[in-house]
Amino acid sequence: MKTLSRRAARERILKLLFQRDFRSVSLTELLEEQPTDDPYVREVIGGLEEKLPEIDRIIAQRAEGWRLERLHSVDRNILRLAVYELCYREDIPPQVAINEAVELAKKYGGEHSPAFINGILDRIWKERAQRS
């Protein structure tokens, strides 16, 4: 079994999410087309598939002035992955999920993507911390 570094796994997941935006297939189908033995990729894709409507609602409520479908596809999908890690993965510290999302935004997003993504994720994290 070949496991990827977490950063490489996140990049792989982001690419699958991005492809999903342009094809009418599920994440699971995309993963079947491009198989991996990496357990993290498989777990997260399964979790995203299940939780995506809820994740999209979380993002839409915090992206003031932006409808979800109007967000740049890369930014939207980085947010989806990061929100999944923030809200559904207890094994990932919130700061790590946010920092990794910002790094993905620096690599794949636009000039303003890192600050935009950091702002939304920071807000989600603080709201969750206040409820706990």
Protein backbone atom coordinates (compact mmCIF):
# COMPACT_ATOMS: atom_id res chain seq x y z
CA MET A 1 0.00 0.00 0.00
CA LYS A 2 1.43 3.34 -1.06
CA THR A 3 0.63 6.18 1.31
CA LEU A 4 1.13 9.78 0.36
CA SER A 5 2.27 12.59 2.60
CA ARG A 6 -0.74 14.44 3.96
CA ARG A 7 0.11 17.43 1.78
CA ALA A 8 0.27 15.25 -1.35
CA ALA A 9 -2.97 13.54 -0.32
CA ARG A 10 -4.67 16.93 0.06
CA GLU A 11 -3.46 17.95 -3.40
CA ARG A 12 -4.87 14.72 -4.82
CA ILE A 13 -8.21 15.31 -3.09
CA LEU A 14 -8.31 18.91 -4.33
CA LYS A 15 -7.73 17.76 -7.90
CA LEU A 16 -10.58 15.23 -7.61
CA LEU A 17 -12.90 17.90 -6.19
CA PHE A 18 -11.93 20.25 -8.99
CA GLN A 19 -12.64 17.59 -11.64
CA ARG A 20 -16.03 16.93 -10.05
CA ASP A 21 -17.00 20.55 -10.73
CA PHE A 22 -16.59 19.98 -14.46
CA ARG A 23 -17.92 16.45 -14.85
CA SER A 24 -21.22 14.96 -13.82
CA VAL A 25 -19.74 12.12 -11.80
CA SER A 26 -19.39 11.57 -8.08
CA LEU A 27 -16.15 11.78 -6.15
CA THR A 28 -16.33 8.04 -5.62
CA GLU A 29 -16.56 7.45 -9.38
CA LEU A 30 -13.59 9.75 -9.98
CA LEU A 31 -11.60 7.83 -7.38
CA GLU A 32 -12.51 4.57 -9.11
CA GLU A 33 -11.24 6.01 -12.40
CA GLN A 34 -8.02 7.16 -10.73
CA PRO A 35 -7.50 4.62 -7.94
CA THR A 36 -5.22 5.09 -4.98
CA ASP A 37 -4.15 2.90 -2.10
CA ASP A 38 -3.75 5.93 0.15
CA PRO A 39 -6.13 5.45 3.09
CA TYR A 40 -6.40 9.17 3.86
CA VAL A 41 -7.48 10.02 0.31
CA ARG A 42 -10.05 7.23 0.35
CA GLU A 43 -11.43 8.19 3.78
CA VAL A 44 -11.69 11.88 2.97
CA ILE A 45 -13.29 11.31 -0.43
CA GLY A 46 -15.89 9.07 1.23
CA GLY A 47 -16.51 11.66 3.94
CA LEU A 48 -16.74 14.52 1.47
CA GLU A 49 -19.18 12.56 -0.66
CA GLU A 50 -21.42 12.08 2.37
CA LYS A 51 -21.09 15.55 3.92
CA LEU A 52 -20.79 17.81 0.86
CA PRO A 53 -24.27 19.41 1.09
CA GLU A 54 -23.67 20.29 4.73
CA ILE A 55 -20.13 21.54 3.99
CA ASP A 56 -21.44 23.72 1.17
CA ARG A 57 -24.05 25.19 3.53
CA ILE A 58 -21.35 26.01 6.10
CA ILE A 59 -19.24 27.76 3.46
CA ALA A 60 -22.18 29.63 1.90
CA GLN A 61 -23.25 31.01 5.28
CA ARG A 62 -19.79 32.48 5.87
CA ALA A 63 -18.85 33.66 2.38
CA GLU A 64 -20.70 36.95 2.78
CA GLY A 65 -21.55 38.56 -0.52
CA TRP A 66 -20.58 35.43 -2.48
CA ARG A 67 -22.87 32.66 -3.65
CA LEU A 68 -21.10 29.32 -3.45
CA GLU A 69 -21.32 28.71 -7.19
CA ARG A 70 -19.75 32.14 -7.84
CA LEU A 71 -16.60 31.33 -5.87
CA HIS A 72 -13.59 30.43 -7.97
CA SER A 73 -13.60 26.64 -8.34
CA VAL A 74 -10.16 26.22 -6.77
CA ASP A 75 -11.09 28.36 -3.76
CA ARG A 76 -14.44 26.61 -3.33
CA ASN A 77 -12.82 23.18 -3.36
CA ILE A 78 -9.97 24.14 -1.03
CA LEU A 79 -12.65 25.39 1.36
CA ARG A 80 -14.62 22.15 1.00
CA LEU A 81 -11.59 20.06 1.92
CA ALA A 82 -10.59 22.33 4.80
CA VAL A 83 -14.11 22.54 6.23
CA TYR A 84 -14.31 18.77 6.13
CA GLU A 85 -11.04 18.53 8.05
CA LEU A 86 -12.11 21.24 10.52
CA CYS A 87 -15.56 19.88 11.21
CA TYR A 88 -15.32 16.12 10.76
CA ARG A 89 -11.72 15.04 11.38
CA GLU A 90 -10.81 15.06 15.04
CA ASP A 91 -7.33 13.74 14.21
CA ILE A 92 -6.37 17.02 12.48
CA PRO A 93 -5.72 20.10 14.62
CA PRO A 94 -7.70 23.11 13.36
CA GLN A 95 -4.55 25.18 12.84
CA VAL A 96 -3.12 22.46 10.62
CA ALA A 97 -6.28 22.26 8.49
CA ILE A 98 -6.28 26.05 8.07
CA ASN A 99 -2.55 26.31 7.35
CA GLU A 100 -2.67 23.50 4.81
CA ALA A 101 -5.64 25.15 3.06
CA VAL A 102 -3.75 28.44 2.88
CA GLU A 103 -0.73 26.64 1.40
CA LEU A 104 -2.95 25.02 -1.24
CA ALA A 105 -4.40 28.46 -1.99
CA LYS A 106 -0.92 29.90 -2.43
CA LYS A 107 -0.03 27.13 -4.85
CA TYR A 108 -3.27 26.78 -6.83
CA GLY A 109 -5.41 29.83 -6.13
CA GLY A 110 -5.37 33.44 -7.20
CA GLU A 111 -3.59 36.38 -5.63
CA HIS A 112 -6.29 36.97 -3.00
CA SER A 113 -7.15 33.31 -2.39
CA PRO A 114 -4.94 32.72 0.68
CA ALA A 115 -6.40 35.67 2.62
CA PHE A 116 -9.97 34.89 1.53
CA ILE A 117 -9.69 31.22 2.51
CA ASN A 118 -7.93 32.02 5.78
CA GLY A 119 -10.67 34.50 6.72
CA ILE A 120 -13.54 32.09 6.12
CA LEU A 121 -11.83 29.15 7.83
CA ASP A 122 -10.77 31.26 10.81
CA ARG A 123 -14.37 32.37 11.25
CA ILE A 124 -15.67 28.79 11.09
CA TRP A 125 -13.04 27.62 13.58
CA LYS A 126 -13.80 30.43 16.06
CA GLU A 127 -17.55 29.81 15.82
CA ARG A 128 -17.04 26.10 16.48
CA ALA A 129 -14.71 26.83 19.41
CA GLN A 130 -17.31 29.15 20.99
CA ARG A 131 -19.96 26.40 20.81
CA SER A 132 -17.71 23.83 22.48
